[in-house]
Amino acid sequence: LHGLTVAAAHARAEVLAGQLGLGALLDRRCEGYSQGERMKTALARALVHDPANVVLDEPTNGLDVLATRALRELLRRLRDETGKCVVVSTHVMQEVERLADEVVVMAAGRTVAHGSVAALRAQAGEADFEAAFVRLAYGAAVGVAVPAGGAGA
């Protein structure tokens, strides 16, 4: 496991199991895990060697509400307490609003906007972040302006 000694890997597994609520799974084979259990296990595997940067693609996919909240809190702790750079790719705008310091909006394979959630709302002229995202991403993708107030409809 990323060059860790057996003792270090076991110690780190215990810590991550506690943080991710995986304690009951430590002595179980992965066969038969739920989608949420598989997602949390993949996250633990990505964090086992305590990387400086963490890149996650749709990390809450398949997680229930409590697991999603726990994961968000873990990501905040990684950012705030350890200073890690956490990059998350997601289509869930609620997660972006709750987690992101900086947002990059991609459309048709290119960056169409970037900035804080508040700055992107202002740029799009929308109070709702999802509506701002739609205006910025899809308006740019098709080369037309999405009417104000209609973006979130």
Protein backbone atom coordinates (compact mmCIF):
# COMPACT_ATOMS: atom_id res chain seq x y z
CA LEU A 1 0.00 0.00 0.00
CA HIS A 2 2.03 2.89 -1.36
CA GLY A 3 5.22 1.75 0.37
CA LEU A 4 3.73 1.71 3.87
CA THR A 5 4.89 -0.87 6.37
CA VAL A 6 2.32 -3.44 7.44
CA ALA A 7 2.02 -1.78 10.86
CA ALA A 8 1.61 1.71 9.35
CA ALA A 9 -0.99 0.44 6.86
CA HIS A 10 -3.01 -1.22 9.63
CA ALA A 11 -2.82 1.87 11.83
CA ARG A 12 -3.89 4.12 8.96
CA ALA A 13 -6.73 1.71 8.05
CA GLU A 14 -8.04 1.95 11.62
CA VAL A 15 -7.97 5.76 11.54
CA LEU A 16 -9.69 5.96 8.15
CA ALA A 17 -12.26 3.31 9.13
CA GLY A 18 -13.21 5.49 12.10
CA GLN A 19 -13.40 8.66 10.02
CA LEU A 20 -15.44 7.03 7.25
CA GLY A 21 -17.63 4.75 9.37
CA LEU A 22 -16.08 1.59 7.95
CA GLY A 23 -15.26 -0.18 11.21
CA ALA A 24 -17.76 -2.99 10.63
CA LEU A 25 -16.20 -3.71 7.23
CA LEU A 26 -12.58 -4.14 8.28
CA ASP A 27 -12.79 -7.92 8.58
CA ARG A 28 -15.19 -8.44 5.68
CA ARG A 29 -14.38 -9.16 2.05
CA CYS A 30 -15.40 -6.47 -0.45
CA GLU A 31 -17.73 -8.86 -2.24
CA GLY A 32 -21.31 -7.79 -1.55
CA TYR A 33 -20.52 -4.21 -0.46
CA SER A 34 -23.21 -1.64 -1.18
CA GLN A 35 -22.47 1.25 -3.55
CA GLY A 36 -21.85 3.54 -0.58
CA GLU A 37 -19.53 1.03 1.09
CA ARG A 38 -17.57 0.66 -2.16
CA MET A 39 -17.29 4.45 -2.50
CA LYS A 40 -16.08 4.91 1.07
CA THR A 41 -13.62 2.02 0.67
CA ALA A 42 -12.23 3.62 -2.51
CA LEU A 43 -11.81 6.90 -0.65
CA ALA A 44 -9.99 5.16 2.21
CA ARG A 45 -7.72 3.45 -0.33
CA ALA A 46 -6.95 6.86 -1.89
CA LEU A 47 -6.13 8.37 1.51
CA VAL A 48 -4.21 5.48 3.09
CA HIS A 49 -0.79 6.96 2.28
CA ASP A 50 -1.80 10.46 3.41
CA PRO A 51 -1.28 12.18 0.03
CA ALA A 52 -0.59 15.92 -0.20
CA ASN A 53 -3.37 16.34 -2.76
CA VAL A 54 -6.65 14.50 -3.18
CA VAL A 55 -8.56 14.31 -6.48
CA LEU A 56 -12.07 12.85 -6.30
CA ASP A 57 -14.61 12.20 -9.05
CA GLU A 58 -18.25 12.24 -7.87
CA PRO A 59 -17.27 11.17 -4.32
CA THR A 60 -20.81 11.11 -2.89
CA ASN A 61 -22.28 9.00 -5.69
CA GLY A 62 -24.33 6.24 -4.05
CA LEU A 63 -24.00 7.57 -0.50
CA ASP A 64 -26.99 8.13 1.75
CA VAL A 65 -27.59 11.49 3.42
CA LEU A 66 -25.65 10.69 6.61
CA ALA A 67 -22.69 9.24 4.70
CA THR A 68 -22.68 12.27 2.39
CA ARG A 69 -22.58 14.63 5.37
CA ALA A 70 -19.77 12.63 6.97
CA LEU A 71 -17.79 12.70 3.74
CA ARG A 72 -18.23 16.45 3.38
CA GLU A 73 -16.98 16.92 6.93
CA LEU A 74 -13.96 14.70 6.23
CA LEU A 75 -13.14 16.73 3.11
CA ARG A 76 -13.42 19.97 5.10
CA ARG A 77 -11.07 18.54 7.75
CA LEU A 78 -8.59 17.44 5.09
CA ARG A 79 -8.60 20.98 3.72
CA ASP A 80 -8.70 22.94 6.97
CA GLU A 81 -6.69 20.83 9.41
CA THR A 82 -4.09 19.28 7.13
CA GLY A 83 -3.87 21.91 4.41
CA LYS A 84 -4.44 19.39 1.65
CA CYS A 85 -5.58 20.50 -1.76
CA VAL A 86 -8.87 18.69 -2.40
CA VAL A 87 -10.13 18.70 -5.99
CA VAL A 88 -13.66 17.39 -6.52
CA SER A 89 -15.36 16.82 -9.84
CA THR A 90 -19.13 16.75 -9.41
CA HIS A 91 -22.43 17.60 -11.02
CA VAL A 92 -24.06 18.12 -7.61
CA MET A 93 -24.24 21.87 -7.20
CA GLN A 94 -25.22 21.60 -3.52
CA GLU A 95 -21.83 19.97 -2.88
CA VAL A 96 -20.04 22.68 -4.80
CA GLU A 97 -21.79 25.36 -2.76
CA ARG A 98 -20.99 23.67 0.54
CA LEU A 99 -17.40 22.64 -0.14
CA ALA A 100 -15.70 24.73 -2.78
CA ASP A 101 -13.40 27.67 -2.20
CA GLU A 102 -12.79 27.92 -5.93
CA VAL A 103 -15.00 26.59 -8.74
CA VAL A 104 -14.03 25.85 -12.33
CA VAL A 105 -17.00 25.51 -14.72
CA MET A 106 -16.26 23.32 -17.72
CA ALA A 107 -18.33 23.08 -20.90
CA ALA A 108 -17.50 21.34 -24.17
CA GLY A 109 -14.06 20.45 -22.82
CA ARG A 110 -12.97 23.96 -21.92
CA THR A 111 -13.06 26.28 -18.93
CA VAL A 112 -15.89 28.77 -19.32
CA ALA A 113 -15.81 30.37 -15.88
CA HIS A 114 -13.96 30.19 -12.60
CA GLY A 115 -14.13 31.88 -9.23
CA SER A 116 -15.86 31.55 -5.89
CA VAL A 117 -19.51 30.49 -5.70
CA ALA A 118 -20.48 34.09 -4.90
CA ALA A 119 -18.44 35.46 -7.80
CA LEU A 120 -19.99 32.99 -10.25
CA ARG A 121 -23.50 33.85 -9.04
CA ALA A 122 -22.72 37.52 -9.60
CA GLN A 123 -21.14 36.87 -13.01
CA ALA A 124 -24.24 34.96 -14.14
CA GLY A 125 -26.67 37.40 -12.53
CA GLU A 126 -28.35 34.59 -10.59
CA ALA A 127 -29.08 34.25 -6.88
CA ASP A 128 -29.27 30.45 -7.14
CA PHE A 129 -25.94 28.70 -7.80
CA GLU A 130 -27.45 25.91 -9.88
CA ALA A 131 -29.09 28.52 -12.11
CA ALA A 132 -25.76 30.33 -12.36
CA PHE A 133 -24.01 27.11 -13.33
CA VAL A 134 -26.58 26.37 -16.04
CA ARG A 135 -26.25 29.89 -17.44
CA LEU A 136 -22.46 29.78 -17.44
CA ALA A 137 -21.97 26.19 -18.63
CA TYR A 138 -24.79 25.63 -21.05
CA GLY A 139 -25.01 29.14 -22.39
CA ALA A 140 -21.29 28.92 -23.23
CA ALA A 141 -21.59 25.40 -24.62
CA VAL A 142 -24.21 26.37 -27.18
CA GLY A 143 -22.94 29.90 -27.66
CA VAL A 144 -26.13 31.61 -26.54
CA ALA A 145 -27.11 33.46 -23.42
CA VAL A 146 -29.53 31.63 -21.14
CA PRO A 147 -32.28 34.06 -20.05
CA ALA A 148 -32.10 35.23 -16.42
CA GLY A 149 -34.48 33.35 -14.16
CA GLY A 150 -34.98 30.68 -16.80
CA ALA A 151 -31.71 28.91 -16.19
CA GLY A 152 -32.93 26.97 -13.18
CA ALA A 153 -36.36 26.16 -14.57
